[in-house]
Amino acid sequence: MEKSILNQCPLFAGLNEKETEETLQFFHAAERTYKKGELLNRPGEPVRHFGLLLSGNIHVSMDDFDGNRLLMANVMPGNTFAESLCYLGRETQIMIQSVRDSEVLLMDTESLKHPPLKPSAADTRIAQRFISMLAERTLVLNDRIQTLSKMTIRQKVITLLSQHMSEGSQVVELPFDREAMAVYLGVNQSALSRELGRMQEEGMIRFRNNKFEIL
């Protein structure tokens, strides 16, 4: 397991070897591989594990009443998914799917739900890190809400690009392809492509695949 990948996750960032091993044991971590298209859960049942993606790509999505798929999270290596679902243990229609061959570090929250009467210093530290990770996830969801609340495709695109811009850089590389981008924004893929083309013609942006330059 690449330590650099673990360090991208708030649960493990900055930990030494001993602390990392304590955290892995606390969450009963186990590595597993998934083929492209394979589901990590059964929709309609509780989510038993949350995951840290080591390689590949995971989509977290759900279908509305009309059968339209809403992409809730596009998970890239170093990111986690399904933490809240795992902790709550409720039945959910959320679908977690590997969209490329993927390696995942599966973990559970049983040690959080059933702590010892006198938690150790390590247990307390790990629990605090888990809470901090959930707080960061809330901020990410807030960004998503801001994007979806915009009325036009152009406004959605501008908001999305603004959220992914790094200070001092005019180049944005989005973590998904055009199809996933359309699903994430909640718009028709053809309509999105047309609007991106118009924005490029008007000199607002220049793009190639998922890399955008803000002009």
Protein backbone atom coordinates (compact mmCIF):
# COMPACT_ATOMS: atom_id res chain seq x y z
CA MET A 1 0.00 0.00 0.00
CA GLU A 2 1.41 3.38 -1.04
CA LYS A 3 1.92 5.60 2.02
CA SER A 4 1.62 8.65 -0.25
CA ILE A 5 -1.97 7.67 -1.00
CA LEU A 6 -2.77 7.27 2.69
CA ASN A 7 -1.28 10.69 3.41
CA GLN A 8 -3.84 12.29 1.07
CA CYS A 9 -6.61 11.14 3.42
CA PRO A 10 -7.37 13.16 6.59
CA LEU A 11 -7.50 9.92 8.59
CA PHE A 12 -3.83 9.17 7.91
CA ALA A 13 -2.18 12.46 6.92
CA GLY A 14 0.96 13.15 8.95
CA LEU A 15 0.87 9.92 10.96
CA ASN A 16 4.01 7.95 11.69
CA GLU A 17 4.24 4.21 10.99
CA LYS A 18 2.98 3.16 14.43
CA GLU A 19 0.03 5.59 14.35
CA THR A 20 -0.87 4.49 10.83
CA GLU A 21 -0.96 0.85 11.90
CA GLU A 22 -3.11 1.74 14.94
CA THR A 23 -5.58 3.54 12.67
CA LEU A 24 -5.74 0.64 10.21
CA GLN A 25 -6.46 -1.77 13.06
CA PHE A 26 -9.05 0.57 14.61
CA PHE A 27 -11.08 0.55 11.37
CA HIS A 28 -10.38 -3.16 10.63
CA ALA A 29 -8.94 -2.14 7.27
CA ALA A 30 -8.63 -4.66 4.43
CA GLU A 31 -7.63 -4.17 0.79
CA ARG A 32 -9.88 -5.39 -2.00
CA THR A 33 -9.90 -5.08 -5.79
CA TYR A 34 -12.97 -4.42 -7.96
CA LYS A 35 -13.40 -4.85 -11.70
CA LYS A 36 -14.76 -2.13 -13.96
CA GLY A 37 -18.54 -1.94 -13.53
CA GLU A 38 -18.59 -3.94 -10.29
CA LEU A 39 -20.80 -2.73 -7.43
CA LEU A 40 -19.31 -2.28 -3.97
CA ASN A 41 -22.69 -2.43 -2.25
CA ARG A 42 -26.24 -3.69 -2.74
CA PRO A 43 -28.69 -0.77 -3.14
CA GLY A 44 -31.53 -1.10 -0.65
CA GLU A 45 -29.29 -2.57 2.04
CA PRO A 46 -27.13 -0.88 4.71
CA VAL A 47 -23.57 0.07 3.74
CA ARG A 48 -21.24 -2.07 5.89
CA HIS A 49 -17.94 -0.39 5.00
CA PHE A 50 -16.56 2.94 3.94
CA GLY A 51 -13.59 3.06 1.63
CA LEU A 52 -10.35 4.80 0.78
CA LEU A 53 -9.61 4.54 -2.93
CA LEU A 54 -6.03 3.40 -3.58
CA SER A 55 -6.25 3.26 -7.39
CA GLY A 56 -8.90 3.45 -10.10
CA ASN A 57 -12.14 5.43 -9.97
CA ILE A 58 -15.37 5.07 -7.97
CA HIS A 59 -18.76 6.71 -8.59
CA VAL A 60 -21.31 7.21 -5.82
CA SER A 61 -24.73 7.80 -7.38
CA MET A 62 -28.45 7.22 -7.14
CA ASP A 63 -31.40 7.10 -9.54
CA ASP A 64 -34.41 9.40 -9.24
CA PHE A 65 -38.04 8.32 -9.80
CA ASP A 66 -37.66 8.79 -13.57
CA GLY A 67 -34.57 6.61 -13.74
CA ASN A 68 -32.17 9.52 -14.21
CA ARG A 69 -28.81 8.96 -12.53
CA LEU A 70 -27.46 11.62 -10.19
CA LEU A 71 -23.71 11.50 -9.60
CA MET A 72 -23.16 12.34 -5.96
CA ALA A 73 -19.40 11.84 -5.80
CA ASN A 74 -16.62 11.10 -8.26
CA VAL A 75 -13.99 9.43 -6.07
CA MET A 76 -10.32 9.57 -7.10
CA PRO A 77 -7.29 7.88 -5.45
CA GLY A 78 -6.62 9.24 -1.97
CA ASN A 79 -10.27 10.12 -1.37
CA THR A 80 -12.77 8.34 0.85
CA PHE A 81 -16.45 7.55 0.33
CA ALA A 82 -19.56 6.34 2.22
CA GLU A 83 -18.29 7.33 5.68
CA SER A 84 -21.65 8.67 6.92
CA LEU A 85 -23.61 5.83 5.34
CA CYS A 86 -21.38 3.29 7.03
CA TYR A 87 -21.62 4.94 10.45
CA LEU A 88 -25.43 5.33 10.31
CA GLY A 89 -25.96 1.80 9.03
CA ARG A 90 -29.29 2.65 7.40
CA GLU A 91 -30.74 1.11 4.26
CA THR A 92 -29.95 3.27 1.26
CA GLN A 93 -30.59 3.37 -2.49
CA ILE A 94 -27.14 4.88 -3.03
CA MET A 95 -25.08 2.90 -5.56
CA ILE A 96 -21.29 2.66 -5.20
CA GLN A 97 -19.66 1.43 -8.40
CA SER A 98 -16.15 0.94 -9.72
CA VAL A 99 -15.97 2.68 -13.11
CA ARG A 100 -12.42 1.42 -13.70
CA ASP A 101 -10.50 -1.49 -12.23
CA SER A 102 -9.98 -0.24 -8.68
CA GLU A 103 -8.14 -1.04 -5.46
CA VAL A 104 -9.98 -0.03 -2.30
CA LEU A 105 -9.07 -0.02 1.38
CA LEU A 106 -12.33 -1.08 3.06
CA MET A 107 -12.92 0.00 6.67
CA ASP A 108 -15.76 -0.17 9.18
CA THR A 109 -16.93 2.05 12.05
CA GLU A 110 -17.64 -0.59 14.69
CA SER A 111 -14.91 0.73 17.01
CA LEU A 112 -16.52 4.17 16.85
CA LYS A 113 -20.01 2.85 17.56
CA HIS A 114 -18.90 0.63 20.43
CA PRO A 115 -15.96 2.36 22.17
CA PRO A 116 -14.40 0.94 25.36
CA LEU A 117 -15.38 2.42 28.71
CA LYS A 118 -11.96 4.04 28.96
CA PRO A 119 -10.77 4.88 25.44
CA SER A 120 -7.03 5.10 24.91
CA ALA A 121 -5.33 8.26 23.72
CA ALA A 122 -4.95 6.63 20.30
CA ASP A 123 -8.67 5.80 20.13
CA THR A 124 -9.59 9.39 20.98
CA ARG A 125 -7.19 10.78 18.38
CA ILE A 126 -8.56 8.49 15.68
CA ALA A 127 -12.17 9.38 16.50
CA GLN A 128 -11.34 13.09 16.29
CA ARG A 129 -9.76 12.57 12.87
CA PHE A 130 -12.88 10.78 11.66
CA ILE A 131 -15.06 13.69 12.82
CA SER A 132 -12.75 16.17 11.06
CA MET A 133 -13.02 14.11 7.87
CA LEU A 134 -16.83 14.26 8.04
CA ALA A 135 -16.63 18.04 8.53
CA GLU A 136 -14.51 18.36 5.37
CA ARG A 137 -17.04 16.22 3.50
CA THR A 138 -19.77 18.69 4.53
CA LEU A 139 -17.80 21.51 2.90
CA VAL A 140 -17.50 19.49 -0.30
CA LEU A 141 -21.26 18.90 -0.32
CA ASN A 142 -21.78 22.62 0.15
CA ASP A 143 -19.78 23.25 -3.04
CA ARG A 144 -21.99 20.75 -4.87
CA ILE A 145 -25.16 22.49 -3.65
CA GLN A 146 -23.82 25.84 -4.85
CA THR A 147 -23.21 24.36 -8.30
CA LEU A 148 -26.60 22.67 -8.62
CA SER A 149 -28.44 25.80 -7.43
CA LYS A 150 -27.36 27.81 -10.49
CA MET A 151 -30.09 28.32 -13.07
CA THR A 152 -28.17 27.99 -16.36
CA ILE A 153 -25.58 25.56 -17.69
CA ARG A 154 -23.09 28.40 -18.09
CA GLN A 155 -23.50 29.46 -14.48
CA LYS A 156 -23.03 25.86 -13.34
CA VAL A 157 -19.85 25.52 -15.43
CA ILE A 158 -18.41 28.81 -14.15
CA THR A 159 -19.14 27.82 -10.53
CA LEU A 160 -17.61 24.37 -10.99
CA LEU A 161 -14.44 25.73 -12.60
CA SER A 162 -14.13 28.41 -9.91
CA GLN A 163 -14.30 25.78 -7.18
CA HIS A 164 -11.46 23.77 -8.76
CA MET A 165 -9.15 26.70 -9.55
CA SER A 166 -5.87 26.89 -7.67
CA GLU A 167 -4.65 30.29 -6.55
CA GLY A 168 -2.37 31.85 -9.17
CA SER A 169 -3.31 29.35 -11.89
CA GLN A 170 -5.71 29.76 -14.79
CA VAL A 171 -5.70 26.05 -15.67
CA VAL A 172 -8.28 23.69 -14.18
CA GLU A 173 -8.17 19.91 -14.56
CA LEU A 174 -11.50 18.40 -13.58
CA PRO A 175 -11.59 14.90 -12.04
CA PHE A 176 -14.14 13.51 -14.52
CA ASP A 177 -14.86 13.16 -18.24
CA ARG A 178 -17.60 14.98 -20.14
CA GLU A 179 -20.29 12.40 -19.39
CA ALA A 180 -19.54 12.43 -15.66
CA MET A 181 -19.34 16.24 -15.73
CA ALA A 182 -22.85 16.43 -17.22
CA VAL A 183 -24.21 14.03 -14.60
CA TYR A 184 -22.46 15.95 -11.82
CA LEU A 185 -23.98 19.24 -13.03
CA GLY A 186 -27.39 17.65 -13.57
CA VAL A 187 -27.59 18.66 -17.25
CA ASN A 188 -27.87 17.01 -20.66
CA GLN A 189 -24.47 16.01 -22.05
CA SER A 190 -25.16 17.36 -25.56
CA ALA A 191 -26.41 20.67 -24.12
CA LEU A 192 -23.30 20.90 -21.96
CA SER A 193 -21.02 20.30 -24.95
CA ARG A 194 -22.81 23.01 -26.94
CA GLU A 195 -22.49 25.51 -24.09
CA LEU A 196 -18.80 24.74 -23.62
CA GLY A 197 -18.32 25.29 -27.35
CA ARG A 198 -20.05 28.68 -27.15
CA MET A 199 -17.96 29.71 -24.15
CA GLN A 200 -14.83 28.79 -26.09
CA GLU A 201 -15.98 30.73 -29.17
CA GLU A 202 -16.63 33.77 -26.98
CA GLY A 203 -13.08 33.60 -25.62
CA MET A 204 -14.06 32.72 -22.04
CA ILE A 205 -12.32 29.35 -21.89
CA ARG A 206 -10.16 26.99 -23.89
CA PHE A 207 -10.42 23.28 -23.21
CA ARG A 208 -9.26 19.84 -24.24
CA ASN A 209 -10.95 16.83 -22.67
CA ASN A 210 -11.12 17.57 -18.91
CA LYS A 211 -8.45 20.32 -18.87
CA PHE A 212 -9.74 23.90 -19.02
CA GLU A 213 -7.86 27.19 -19.36
CA ILE A 214 -9.67 30.27 -18.06
CA LEU A 215 -9.19 33.13 -20.53
